[in-house]
Amino acid sequence: MTRLSLRLVPLGCALLAVLTPPTAQAQNWPNRSIRLVVPFAAGGSTDVIARLVAADMAGPLGQQVVVENKAGAGGSTGSAEIARATPDGYAILAATVSTHAINPALYSRLPFDVIDDFTPIVHLVDIPNVLVISPSVPARTVAELKAFAAKNPGRLNYASPGVGSIGHLQSQWFANLIGVSMAHVPYRGAGPAMQDVMTGEVQLMIDNVPTALEQIRSGKVNALLVSSPTRIAQLPDTPSSVEAGLPQFIGYSWLAFLAPKGTPDHVVTALYGAAKASLANPQVRERLQALSATVVGENPSATAAFLRAERAKWTPIVKTIGVQLD
């Protein structure tokens, strides 16, 4: 081979790569690690569950799924990054009820469309929420809470991790449903909020089950209901919303994996298959159960329908409460 020919080889390879159609390139997917953006800080339920499922997806995919935490703007910062990412299967999002059901109603100018800018992969899990009250409040049922409120107007306040959080919105939704006026006391995170409920500084709050479970079991707070259609294994003595007479009061902190719009179908199918395999792993299921997460594992089309339904449910709730963050 001549020197000129040798010099032309790298150029030819580069041109071939450029000219190769995206579909043909996608057939080799995945040939490097996949980035999973969690749009919240490390350590929370979303982060822990996303990492648990992602770690086990490496086997079926033959590549690692690497988690990156990109917190900010209630999850919108990380979500926007994936909405703008190249739809090649190497960047996916851990979406939640906040990012894709609540935020569209809280923010009038999101930098992405929660439906049109994403391709659903899988609805992974549902995490029920629980209404807890301070032991200082002499009520063990919703009916007793209403009776206490009637005799003690203005005595009930509810805590939340912050304005616009699911804890804020679901607590106010609950107050509206039972017809009781309560003041909102926002905190910077669920931990400080729960601390003041335990001491009786604030009377009640709604939190997700994994973070409230230890306080409930130790008797530091009392559980009035779980916001699910049926009782859950972790709190077998706590009635469901249906049993408490509030069948419409169903609300979960859920987790789904989404890809950018335009991600090839066979890539989405492979990602879904890997996630399903992870959810079927007995060790993963055991850990999820310990976290009070109910395995769902819905396919892409079912996940798309679920996302639309969740947005349709939360939009009027947010508007009724009257919260706007921009």
C-alpha atoms as a PDB file:
ATOM      1  CA  MET A   1       0.000   0.000   0.000  1.00  0.00           C
ATOM      2  CA  THR A   2       1.380   3.463  -0.929  1.00  0.00           C
ATOM      3  CA  ARG A   3       1.894   6.293   1.545  1.00  0.00           C
ATOM      4  CA  LEU A   4      -0.966   8.192  -0.037  1.00  0.00           C
ATOM      5  CA  SER A   5      -3.235   5.190   0.408  1.00  0.00           C
ATOM      6  CA  LEU A   6      -2.236   4.866   4.066  1.00  0.00           C
ATOM      7  CA  ARG A   7      -3.035   8.527   4.659  1.00  0.00           C
ATOM      8  CA  LEU A   8      -6.433   8.134   3.080  1.00  0.00           C
ATOM      9  CA  VAL A   9      -7.504   5.164   5.259  1.00  0.00           C
ATOM     10  CA  PRO A  10      -8.379   7.210   8.382  1.00  0.00           C
ATOM     11  CA  LEU A  11     -10.205   9.761   6.261  1.00  0.00           C
ATOM     12  CA  GLY A  12     -12.186   7.024   4.597  1.00  0.00           C
ATOM     13  CA  CYS A  13     -13.138   5.487   7.935  1.00  0.00           C
ATOM     14  CA  ALA A  14     -14.287   8.865   9.243  1.00  0.00           C
ATOM     15  CA  LEU A  15     -16.376   9.490   6.147  1.00  0.00           C
ATOM     16  CA  LEU A  16     -17.912   6.040   6.453  1.00  0.00           C
ATOM     17  CA  ALA A  17     -18.955   6.735  10.007  1.00  0.00           C
ATOM     18  CA  VAL A  18     -20.500  10.056   9.021  1.00  0.00           C
ATOM     19  CA  LEU A  19     -22.297   8.621   6.027  1.00  0.00           C
ATOM     20  CA  THR A  20     -23.577   5.513   7.775  1.00  0.00           C
ATOM     21  CA  PRO A  21     -27.317   5.974   8.334  1.00  0.00           C
ATOM     22  CA  PRO A  22     -28.408   6.430  11.997  1.00  0.00           C
ATOM     23  CA  THR A  23     -30.540   3.290  11.711  1.00  0.00           C
ATOM     24  CA  ALA A  24     -27.511   1.220  10.790  1.00  0.00           C
ATOM     25  CA  GLN A  25     -25.493   2.734  13.635  1.00  0.00           C
ATOM     26  CA  ALA A  26     -28.308   1.963  16.070  1.00  0.00           C
ATOM     27  CA  GLN A  27     -28.123  -1.720  15.167  1.00  0.00           C
ATOM     28  CA  ASN A  28     -24.850  -1.865  17.111  1.00  0.00           C
ATOM     29  CA  TRP A  29     -26.467  -0.455  20.237  1.00  0.00           C
ATOM     30  CA  PRO A  30     -25.324  -0.509  22.979  1.00  0.00           C
ATOM     31  CA  ASN A  31     -21.574  -0.308  22.440  1.00  0.00           C
ATOM     32  CA  ARG A  32     -20.876   1.946  25.441  1.00  0.00           C
ATOM     33  CA  SER A  33     -22.382   2.720  28.839  1.00  0.00           C
ATOM     34  CA  ILE A  34     -25.871   4.233  29.127  1.00  0.00           C
ATOM     35  CA  ARG A  35     -26.489   7.362  31.169  1.00  0.00           C
ATOM     36  CA  LEU A  36     -29.504   7.425  33.509  1.00  0.00           C
ATOM     37  CA  VAL A  37     -30.283  10.912  34.812  1.00  0.00           C
ATOM     38  CA  VAL A  38     -32.009  11.093  38.189  1.00  0.00           C
ATOM     39  CA  PRO A  39     -33.316  14.672  38.397  1.00  0.00           C
ATOM     40  CA  PHE A  40     -33.033  14.811  42.193  1.00  0.00           C
ATOM     41  CA  ALA A  41     -30.271  14.679  44.778  1.00  0.00           C
ATOM     42  CA  ALA A  42     -28.659  11.390  45.723  1.00  0.00           C
ATOM     43  CA  GLY A  43     -30.069   9.393  48.628  1.00  0.00           C
ATOM     44  CA  GLY A  44     -33.823   9.836  48.149  1.00  0.00           C
ATOM     45  CA  SER A  45     -36.275   7.095  47.206  1.00  0.00           C
ATOM     46  CA  THR A  46     -36.107   7.937  43.493  1.00  0.00           C
ATOM     47  CA  ASP A  47     -32.322   7.743  43.483  1.00  0.00           C
ATOM     48  CA  VAL A  48     -32.117   4.533  45.529  1.00  0.00           C
ATOM     49  CA  ILE A  49     -34.677   2.655  43.417  1.00  0.00           C
ATOM     50  CA  ALA A  50     -33.278   3.927  40.111  1.00  0.00           C
ATOM     51  CA  ARG A  51     -29.788   2.749  41.076  1.00  0.00           C
ATOM     52  CA  LEU A  52     -31.085  -0.623  42.243  1.00  0.00           C
ATOM     53  CA  VAL A  53     -32.900  -1.339  38.965  1.00  0.00           C
ATOM     54  CA  ALA A  54     -30.189   0.183  36.756  1.00  0.00           C
ATOM     55  CA  ALA A  55     -27.400  -1.913  38.266  1.00  0.00           C
ATOM     56  CA  ASP A  56     -29.194  -5.117  37.353  1.00  0.00           C
ATOM     57  CA  MET A  57     -29.926  -3.975  33.785  1.00  0.00           C
ATOM     58  CA  ALA A  58     -26.227  -4.302  32.886  1.00  0.00           C
ATOM     59  CA  GLY A  59     -26.506  -8.070  32.418  1.00  0.00           C
ATOM     60  CA  PRO A  60     -29.168  -8.116  29.683  1.00  0.00           C
ATOM     61  CA  LEU A  61     -27.736  -5.015  27.966  1.00  0.00           C
ATOM     62  CA  GLY A  62     -24.079  -5.967  28.141  1.00  0.00           C
ATOM     63  CA  GLN A  63     -23.253  -2.405  29.210  1.00  0.00           C
ATOM     64  CA  GLN A  64     -23.382  -0.488  32.472  1.00  0.00           C
ATOM     65  CA  VAL A  65     -26.231   1.921  33.197  1.00  0.00           C
ATOM     66  CA  VAL A  66     -24.524   4.807  34.988  1.00  0.00           C
ATOM     67  CA  VAL A  67     -26.625   7.042  37.235  1.00  0.00           C
ATOM     68  CA  GLU A  68     -26.071  10.818  37.236  1.00  0.00           C
ATOM     69  CA  ASN A  69     -27.893  13.093  39.683  1.00  0.00           C
ATOM     70  CA  LYS A  70     -28.961  16.386  38.081  1.00  0.00           C
ATOM     71  CA  ALA A  71     -31.145  18.126  40.654  1.00  0.00           C
ATOM     72  CA  GLY A  72     -32.822  21.512  40.277  1.00  0.00           C
ATOM     73  CA  ALA A  73     -36.187  23.211  39.701  1.00  0.00           C
ATOM     74  CA  GLY A  74     -38.194  20.369  41.193  1.00  0.00           C
ATOM     75  CA  GLY A  75     -36.702  17.846  38.778  1.00  0.00           C
ATOM     76  CA  SER A  76     -37.059  20.005  35.670  1.00  0.00           C
ATOM     77  CA  THR A  77     -33.325  20.609  35.196  1.00  0.00           C
ATOM     78  CA  GLY A  78     -32.445  16.954  34.685  1.00  0.00           C
ATOM     79  CA  SER A  79     -35.636  16.281  32.747  1.00  0.00           C
ATOM     80  CA  ALA A  80     -34.850  19.091  30.302  1.00  0.00           C
ATOM     81  CA  GLU A  81     -31.381  17.652  29.722  1.00  0.00           C
ATOM     82  CA  ILE A  82     -32.810  14.326  28.603  1.00  0.00           C
ATOM     83  CA  ALA A  83     -35.547  15.993  26.530  1.00  0.00           C
ATOM     84  CA  ARG A  84     -32.749  17.697  24.543  1.00  0.00           C
ATOM     85  CA  ALA A  85     -30.458  14.651  24.384  1.00  0.00           C
ATOM     86  CA  THR A  86     -29.689  12.751  21.186  1.00  0.00           C
ATOM     87  CA  PRO A  87     -32.300   9.965  20.858  1.00  0.00           C
ATOM     88  CA  ASP A  88     -29.770   7.181  20.477  1.00  0.00           C
ATOM     89  CA  GLY A  89     -30.502   5.147  23.604  1.00  0.00           C
ATOM     90  CA  TYR A  90     -27.465   6.350  25.552  1.00  0.00           C
ATOM     91  CA  ALA A  91     -29.351   8.851  27.738  1.00  0.00           C
ATOM     92  CA  ILE A  92     -32.538   8.076  29.698  1.00  0.00           C
ATOM     93  CA  LEU A  93     -34.470   9.700  32.534  1.00  0.00           C
ATOM     94  CA  ALA A  94     -35.843   8.547  35.876  1.00  0.00           C
ATOM     95  CA  ALA A  95     -39.206  10.350  35.774  1.00  0.00           C
ATOM     96  CA  THR A  96     -41.546  10.806  38.726  1.00  0.00           C
ATOM     97  CA  VAL A  97     -44.992  12.103  39.588  1.00  0.00           C
ATOM     98  CA  SER A  98     -43.362  15.482  40.279  1.00  0.00           C
ATOM     99  CA  THR A  99     -41.483  15.819  36.987  1.00  0.00           C
ATOM    100  CA  HIS A 100     -44.206  14.552  34.655  1.00  0.00           C
ATOM    101  CA  ALA A 101     -47.568  15.020  36.376  1.00  0.00           C
ATOM    102  CA  ILE A 102     -47.307  17.864  38.888  1.00  0.00           C
ATOM    103  CA  ASN A 103     -44.682  20.235  37.443  1.00  0.00           C
ATOM    104  CA  PRO A 104     -46.592  20.892  34.195  1.00  0.00           C
ATOM    105  CA  ALA A 105     -49.333  22.455  36.323  1.00  0.00           C
ATOM    106  CA  LEU A 106     -46.940  24.248  38.703  1.00  0.00           C
ATOM    107  CA  TYR A 107     -44.761  25.826  36.006  1.00  0.00           C
ATOM    108  CA  SER A 108     -46.242  27.658  33.024  1.00  0.00           C
ATOM    109  CA  ARG A 109     -42.956  27.744  31.098  1.00  0.00           C
ATOM    110  CA  LEU A 110     -41.290  24.348  31.340  1.00  0.00           C
ATOM    111  CA  PRO A 111     -38.471  23.993  28.773  1.00  0.00           C
ATOM    112  CA  PHE A 112     -39.964  20.744  27.485  1.00  0.00           C
ATOM    113  CA  ASP A 113     -43.285  18.996  26.922  1.00  0.00           C
ATOM    114  CA  VAL A 114     -43.708  16.119  29.357  1.00  0.00           C
ATOM    115  CA  ILE A 115     -45.583  14.018  26.799  1.00  0.00           C
ATOM    116  CA  ASP A 116     -44.341  15.017  23.358  1.00  0.00           C
ATOM    117  CA  ASP A 117     -40.617  15.274  24.148  1.00  0.00           C
ATOM    118  CA  PHE A 118     -40.187  11.808  25.641  1.00  0.00           C
ATOM    119  CA  THR A 119     -40.512   8.162  24.671  1.00  0.00           C
ATOM    120  CA  PRO A 120     -41.835   5.970  27.503  1.00  0.00           C
ATOM    121  CA  ILE A 121     -39.811   2.859  28.353  1.00  0.00           C
ATOM    122  CA  VAL A 122     -41.294   1.383  31.532  1.00  0.00           C
ATOM    123  CA  HIS A 123     -43.443   2.295  34.527  1.00  0.00           C
ATOM    124  CA  LEU A 124     -41.276   0.654  37.170  1.00  0.00           C
ATOM    125  CA  VAL A 125     -42.869   0.995  40.602  1.00  0.00           C
ATOM    126  CA  ASP A 126     -45.486   2.742  42.682  1.00  0.00           C
ATOM    127  CA  ILE A 127     -44.649   3.973  46.188  1.00  0.00           C
ATOM    128  CA  PRO A 128     -47.737   4.665  48.319  1.00  0.00           C
ATOM    129  CA  ASN A 129     -47.965   7.731  50.499  1.00  0.00           C
ATOM    130  CA  VAL A 130     -49.178   7.762  54.075  1.00  0.00           C
ATOM    131  CA  LEU A 131     -50.995  10.350  56.178  1.00  0.00           C
ATOM    132  CA  VAL A 132     -49.360  10.606  59.585  1.00  0.00           C
ATOM    133  CA  ILE A 133     -50.404  12.671  62.608  1.00  0.00           C
ATOM    134  CA  SER A 134     -48.718  13.692  65.805  1.00  0.00           C
ATOM    135  CA  PRO A 135     -49.497  11.536  68.871  1.00  0.00           C
ATOM    136  CA  SER A 136     -50.592  14.790  70.514  1.00  0.00           C
ATOM    137  CA  VAL A 137     -53.705  14.782  68.311  1.00  0.00           C
ATOM    138  CA  PRO A 138     -56.411  12.530  69.837  1.00  0.00           C
ATOM    139  CA  ALA A 139     -57.465  10.938  66.549  1.00  0.00           C
ATOM    140  CA  ARG A 140     -56.784   7.496  65.108  1.00  0.00           C
ATOM    141  CA  THR A 141     -59.165   7.618  62.140  1.00  0.00           C
ATOM    142  CA  VAL A 142     -60.154  10.183  59.527  1.00  0.00           C
ATOM    143  CA  ALA A 143     -63.590  10.468  61.157  1.00  0.00           C
ATOM    144  CA  GLU A 144     -61.988  11.239  64.520  1.00  0.00           C
ATOM    145  CA  LEU A 145     -59.708  13.799  62.878  1.00  0.00           C
ATOM    146  CA  LYS A 146     -62.720  15.556  61.357  1.00  0.00           C
ATOM    147  CA  ALA A 147     -64.474  15.549  64.729  1.00  0.00           C
ATOM    148  CA  PHE A 148     -61.384  17.006  66.419  1.00  0.00           C
ATOM    149  CA  ALA A 149     -61.143  19.730  63.765  1.00  0.00           C
ATOM    150  CA  ALA A 150     -64.818  20.621  64.232  1.00  0.00           C
ATOM    151  CA  LYS A 151     -64.320  21.083  67.983  1.00  0.00           C
ATOM    152  CA  ASN A 152     -60.969  22.833  67.608  1.00  0.00           C
ATOM    153  CA  PRO A 153     -61.128  25.177  64.606  1.00  0.00           C
ATOM    154  CA  GLY A 154     -57.768  26.507  63.509  1.00  0.00           C
ATOM    155  CA  ARG A 155     -55.795  23.946  65.515  1.00  0.00           C
ATOM    156  CA  LEU A 156     -54.676  21.749  62.613  1.00  0.00           C
ATOM    157  CA  ASN A 157     -51.645  22.561  60.471  1.00  0.00           C
ATOM    158  CA  TYR A 158     -49.887  20.309  57.984  1.00  0.00           C
ATOM    159  CA  ALA A 159     -46.192  20.119  57.183  1.00  0.00           C
ATOM    160  CA  SER A 160     -44.588  19.438  53.805  1.00  0.00           C
ATOM    161  CA  PRO A 161     -41.097  19.158  52.279  1.00  0.00           C
ATOM    162  CA  GLY A 162     -41.751  22.393  50.408  1.00  0.00           C
ATOM    163  CA  VAL A 163     -44.223  24.411  48.349  1.00  0.00           C
ATOM    164  CA  GLY A 164     -45.382  22.445  45.305  1.00  0.00           C
ATOM    165  CA  SER A 165     -44.154  19.085  46.621  1.00  0.00           C
ATOM    166  CA  ILE A 166     -46.462  16.097  46.445  1.00  0.00           C
ATOM    167  CA  GLY A 167     -46.623  16.260  50.242  1.00  0.00           C
ATOM    168  CA  HIS A 168     -47.959  19.811  50.024  1.00  0.00           C
ATOM    169  CA  LEU A 169     -50.432  19.156  47.241  1.00  0.00           C
ATOM    170  CA  GLN A 170     -51.745  15.862  48.557  1.00  0.00           C
ATOM    171  CA  SER A 171     -52.168  17.228  52.093  1.00  0.00           C
ATOM    172  CA  GLN A 172     -54.178  20.189  50.809  1.00  0.00           C
ATOM    173  CA  TRP A 173     -56.171  17.850  48.581  1.00  0.00           C
ATOM    174  CA  PHE A 174     -56.973  15.757  51.663  1.00  0.00           C
ATOM    175  CA  ALA A 175     -58.006  18.852  53.637  1.00  0.00           C
ATOM    176  CA  ASN A 176     -60.306  19.948  50.814  1.00  0.00           C
ATOM    177  CA  LEU A 177     -61.883  16.504  50.543  1.00  0.00           C
ATOM    178  CA  ILE A 178     -62.763  16.257  54.233  1.00  0.00           C
ATOM    179  CA  GLY A 179     -63.807  19.918  54.422  1.00  0.00           C
ATOM    180  CA  VAL A 180     -61.313  20.985  57.090  1.00  0.00           C
ATOM    181  CA  SER A 181     -59.330  24.230  56.984  1.00  0.00           C
ATOM    182  CA  MET A 182     -55.627  23.651  57.652  1.00  0.00           C
ATOM    183  CA  ALA A 183     -52.611  25.928  57.369  1.00  0.00           C
ATOM    184  CA  HIS A 184     -49.621  24.813  55.305  1.00  0.00           C
ATOM    185  CA  VAL A 185     -46.198  24.885  56.990  1.00  0.00           C
ATOM    186  CA  PRO A 186     -43.499  24.282  54.348  1.00  0.00           C
ATOM    187  CA  TYR A 187     -40.044  22.992  55.293  1.00  0.00           C
ATOM    188  CA  ARG A 188     -36.793  22.398  53.437  1.00  0.00           C
ATOM    189  CA  GLY A 189     -37.125  18.658  53.114  1.00  0.00           C
ATOM    190  CA  ALA A 190     -39.186  15.832  54.592  1.00  0.00           C
ATOM    191  CA  GLY A 191     -36.836  15.235  57.536  1.00  0.00           C
ATOM    192  CA  PRO A 192     -37.381  18.559  59.320  1.00  0.00           C
ATOM    193  CA  ALA A 193     -41.095  18.393  58.538  1.00  0.00           C
ATOM    194  CA  MET A 194     -41.419  14.938  60.085  1.00  0.00           C
ATOM    195  CA  GLN A 195     -39.434  16.069  63.148  1.00  0.00           C
ATOM    196  CA  ASP A 196     -41.958  18.801  63.928  1.00  0.00           C
ATOM    197  CA  VAL A 197     -44.886  16.419  63.439  1.00  0.00           C
ATOM    198  CA  MET A 198     -43.284  14.025  65.930  1.00  0.00           C
ATOM    199  CA  THR A 199     -42.940  16.804  68.522  1.00  0.00           C
ATOM    200  CA  GLY A 200     -46.431  18.148  67.884  1.00  0.00           C
ATOM    201  CA  GLU A 201     -45.239  21.516  66.613  1.00  0.00           C
ATOM    202  CA  VAL A 202     -47.238  20.687  63.464  1.00  0.00           C
ATOM    203  CA  GLN A 203     -50.088  18.204  63.585  1.00  0.00           C
ATOM    204  CA  LEU A 204     -49.887  16.125  60.395  1.00  0.00           C
ATOM    205  CA  MET A 205     -48.219  15.522  57.044  1.00  0.00           C
ATOM    206  CA  ILE A 206     -48.256  13.185  54.063  1.00  0.00           C
ATOM    207  CA  ASP A 207     -45.004  11.423  53.275  1.00  0.00           C
ATOM    208  CA  ASN A 208     -44.018   8.408  51.218  1.00  0.00           C
ATOM    209  CA  VAL A 209     -44.082   5.155  53.134  1.00  0.00           C
ATOM    210  CA  PRO A 210     -40.332   4.304  53.006  1.00  0.00           C
ATOM    211  CA  THR A 211     -39.283   7.503  54.779  1.00  0.00           C
ATOM    212  CA  ALA A 212     -42.147   7.460  57.319  1.00  0.00           C
ATOM    213  CA  LEU A 213     -42.134   3.752  58.156  1.00  0.00           C
ATOM    214  CA  GLU A 214     -39.569   3.833  60.968  1.00  0.00           C
ATOM    215  CA  GLN A 215     -41.353   6.678  62.766  1.00  0.00           C
ATOM    216  CA  ILE A 216     -44.713   4.903  62.425  1.00  0.00           C
ATOM    217  CA  ARG A 217     -43.405   1.579  63.734  1.00  0.00           C
ATOM    218  CA  SER A 218     -41.669   3.281  66.671  1.00  0.00           C
ATOM    219  CA  GLY A 219     -44.884   5.096  67.638  1.00  0.00           C
ATOM    220  CA  LYS A 220     -43.412   8.561  67.082  1.00  0.00           C
ATOM    221  CA  VAL A 221     -46.286   9.315  64.683  1.00  0.00           C
ATOM    222  CA  ASN A 222     -49.598   7.610  63.991  1.00  0.00           C
ATOM    223  CA  ALA A 223     -50.699   6.499  60.509  1.00  0.00           C
ATOM    224  CA  LEU A 224     -54.280   7.343  59.567  1.00  0.00           C
ATOM    225  CA  LEU A 225     -54.402   6.042  56.000  1.00  0.00           C
ATOM    226  CA  VAL A 226     -52.338   5.002  53.009  1.00  0.00           C
ATOM    227  CA  SER A 227     -53.314   6.727  49.759  1.00  0.00           C
ATOM    228  CA  SER A 228     -53.892   3.489  47.854  1.00  0.00           C
ATOM    229  CA  PRO A 229     -56.979   1.423  46.942  1.00  0.00           C
ATOM    230  CA  THR A 230     -55.995  -1.394  49.325  1.00  0.00           C
ATOM    231  CA  ARG A 231     -53.887  -1.866  52.441  1.00  0.00           C
ATOM    232  CA  ILE A 232     -50.179  -2.474  52.028  1.00  0.00           C
ATOM    233  CA  ALA A 233     -48.029  -5.227  53.525  1.00  0.00           C
ATOM    234  CA  GLN A 234     -45.715  -2.801  55.336  1.00  0.00           C
ATOM    235  CA  LEU A 235     -48.630  -1.195  57.233  1.00  0.00           C
ATOM    236  CA  PRO A 236     -51.253  -3.948  57.522  1.00  0.00           C
ATOM    237  CA  ASP A 237     -53.176  -2.163  60.302  1.00  0.00           C
ATOM    238  CA  THR A 238     -53.494   1.126  58.425  1.00  0.00           C
ATOM    239  CA  PRO A 239     -56.652   1.528  56.330  1.00  0.00           C
ATOM    240  CA  SER A 240     -56.566   2.427  52.650  1.00  0.00           C
ATOM    241  CA  SER A 241     -58.147   5.576  51.259  1.00  0.00           C
ATOM    242  CA  VAL A 242     -61.115   3.490  50.135  1.00  0.00           C
ATOM    243  CA  GLU A 243     -61.649   2.090  53.632  1.00  0.00           C
ATOM    244  CA  ALA A 244     -61.334   5.594  55.078  1.00  0.00           C
ATOM    245  CA  GLY A 245     -64.213   6.750  52.878  1.00  0.00           C
ATOM    246  CA  LEU A 246     -62.073   8.645  50.347  1.00  0.00           C
ATOM    247  CA  PRO A 247     -62.008   6.407  47.250  1.00  0.00           C
ATOM    248  CA  GLN A 248     -60.830   9.292  45.040  1.00  0.00           C
ATOM    249  CA  PHE A 249     -57.833   9.998  47.275  1.00  0.00           C
ATOM    250  CA  ILE A 250     -55.339   7.762  45.458  1.00  0.00           C
ATOM    251  CA  GLY A 251     -51.834   9.112  45.016  1.00  0.00           C
ATOM    252  CA  TYR A 252     -48.468   7.462  44.563  1.00  0.00           C
ATOM    253  CA  SER A 253     -44.866   8.543  44.333  1.00  0.00           C
ATOM    254  CA  TRP A 254     -44.077   6.517  41.194  1.00  0.00           C
ATOM    255  CA  LEU A 255     -40.984   5.990  39.079  1.00  0.00           C
ATOM    256  CA  ALA A 256     -40.689   5.467  35.310  1.00  0.00           C
ATOM    257  CA  PHE A 257     -37.814   5.364  32.827  1.00  0.00           C
ATOM    258  CA  LEU A 258     -38.173   7.562  29.725  1.00  0.00           C
ATOM    259  CA  ALA A 259     -35.992   8.225  26.684  1.00  0.00           C
ATOM    260  CA  PRO A 260     -35.848  11.281  24.403  1.00  0.00           C
ATOM    261  CA  LYS A 261     -38.458  11.500  21.659  1.00  0.00           C
ATOM    262  CA  GLY A 262     -37.369   9.653  18.533  1.00  0.00           C
ATOM    263  CA  THR A 263     -35.411   6.893  20.246  1.00  0.00           C
ATOM    264  CA  PRO A 264     -35.527   3.836  17.920  1.00  0.00           C
ATOM    265  CA  ASP A 265     -38.201   1.256  18.722  1.00  0.00           C
ATOM    266  CA  HIS A 266     -35.776  -1.644  19.013  1.00  0.00           C
ATOM    267  CA  VAL A 267     -33.687   0.319  21.522  1.00  0.00           C
ATOM    268  CA  VAL A 268     -36.786   1.099  23.622  1.00  0.00           C
ATOM    269  CA  THR A 269     -37.770  -2.576  23.458  1.00  0.00           C
ATOM    270  CA  ALA A 270     -34.323  -3.652  24.647  1.00  0.00           C
ATOM    271  CA  LEU A 271     -34.344  -1.135  27.512  1.00  0.00           C
ATOM    272  CA  TYR A 272     -37.797  -2.273  28.554  1.00  0.00           C
ATOM    273  CA  GLY A 273     -36.691  -5.912  28.462  1.00  0.00           C
ATOM    274  CA  ALA A 274     -33.658  -5.161  30.608  1.00  0.00           C
ATOM    275  CA  ALA A 275     -35.764  -3.253  33.149  1.00  0.00           C
ATOM    276  CA  LYS A 276     -38.319  -6.076  33.275  1.00  0.00           C
ATOM    277  CA  ALA A 277     -35.526  -8.593  33.843  1.00  0.00           C
ATOM    278  CA  SER A 278     -34.239  -6.464  36.698  1.00  0.00           C
ATOM    279  CA  LEU A 279     -37.694  -6.238  38.267  1.00  0.00           C
ATOM    280  CA  ALA A 280     -38.033 -10.033  37.994  1.00  0.00           C
ATOM    281  CA  ASN A 281     -34.787 -10.633  39.889  1.00  0.00           C
ATOM    282  CA  PRO A 282     -35.756 -12.006  43.344  1.00  0.00           C
ATOM    283  CA  GLN A 283     -33.011  -9.997  45.046  1.00  0.00           C
ATOM    284  CA  VAL A 284     -34.156  -6.764  43.421  1.00  0.00           C
ATOM    285  CA  ARG A 285     -37.805  -7.505  44.285  1.00  0.00           C
ATOM    286  CA  GLU A 286     -36.837  -8.167  47.904  1.00  0.00           C
ATOM    287  CA  ARG A 287     -35.049  -4.834  48.134  1.00  0.00           C
ATOM    288  CA  LEU A 288     -37.979  -3.044  46.484  1.00  0.00           C
ATOM    289  CA  GLN A 289     -40.413  -4.604  48.923  1.00  0.00           C
ATOM    290  CA  ALA A 290     -38.231  -3.436  51.817  1.00  0.00           C
ATOM    291  CA  LEU A 291     -38.526   0.061  50.334  1.00  0.00           C
ATOM    292  CA  SER A 292     -42.350  -0.296  50.221  1.00  0.00           C
ATOM    293  CA  ALA A 293     -42.272  -0.074  46.420  1.00  0.00           C
ATOM    294  CA  THR A 294     -44.884  -2.039  44.475  1.00  0.00           C
ATOM    295  CA  VAL A 295     -43.496  -3.507  41.248  1.00  0.00           C
ATOM    296  CA  VAL A 296     -45.523  -2.481  38.174  1.00  0.00           C
ATOM    297  CA  GLY A 297     -43.349  -3.105  35.098  1.00  0.00           C
ATOM    298  CA  GLU A 298     -45.755  -1.689  32.499  1.00  0.00           C
ATOM    299  CA  ASN A 299     -44.644  -1.743  28.860  1.00  0.00           C
ATOM    300  CA  PRO A 300     -44.021   1.429  26.797  1.00  0.00           C
ATOM    301  CA  SER A 301     -47.574   1.824  25.500  1.00  0.00           C
ATOM    302  CA  ALA A 302     -49.122   1.237  28.935  1.00  0.00           C
ATOM    303  CA  THR A 303     -46.606   3.654  30.451  1.00  0.00           C
ATOM    304  CA  ALA A 304     -47.591   6.308  27.897  1.00  0.00           C
ATOM    305  CA  ALA A 305     -51.248   5.923  28.879  1.00  0.00           C
ATOM    306  CA  PHE A 306     -50.316   6.062  32.564  1.00  0.00           C
ATOM    307  CA  LEU A 307     -48.374   9.312  32.099  1.00  0.00           C
ATOM    308  CA  ARG A 308     -51.311  10.944  30.345  1.00  0.00           C
ATOM    309  CA  ALA A 309     -53.708   9.798  33.067  1.00  0.00           C
ATOM    310  CA  GLU A 310     -51.463  11.078  35.866  1.00  0.00           C
ATOM    311  CA  ARG A 311     -51.137  14.479  34.236  1.00  0.00           C
ATOM    312  CA  ALA A 312     -54.904  14.647  33.739  1.00  0.00           C
ATOM    313  CA  LYS A 313     -55.435  13.770  37.408  1.00  0.00           C
ATOM    314  CA  TRP A 314     -52.986  16.221  38.970  1.00  0.00           C
ATOM    315  CA  THR A 315     -53.605  19.275  36.764  1.00  0.00           C
ATOM    316  CA  PRO A 316     -57.060  20.109  38.197  1.00  0.00           C
ATOM    317  CA  ILE A 317     -55.881  19.333  41.738  1.00  0.00           C
ATOM    318  CA  VAL A 318     -53.035  21.840  41.440  1.00  0.00           C
ATOM    319  CA  LYS A 319     -55.306  24.438  39.858  1.00  0.00           C
ATOM    320  CA  THR A 320     -57.906  24.021  42.611  1.00  0.00           C
ATOM    321  CA  ILE A 321     -55.245  24.498  45.269  1.00  0.00           C
ATOM    322  CA  GLY A 322     -53.978  27.550  43.374  1.00  0.00           C
ATOM    323  CA  VAL A 323     -50.220  26.999  43.463  1.00  0.00           C
ATOM    324  CA  GLN A 324     -48.033  28.529  40.727  1.00  0.00           C
ATOM    325  CA  LEU A 325     -44.243  28.578  40.925  1.00  0.00           C
ATOM    326  CA  ASP A 326     -43.367  30.866  38.007  1.00  0.00           C
END
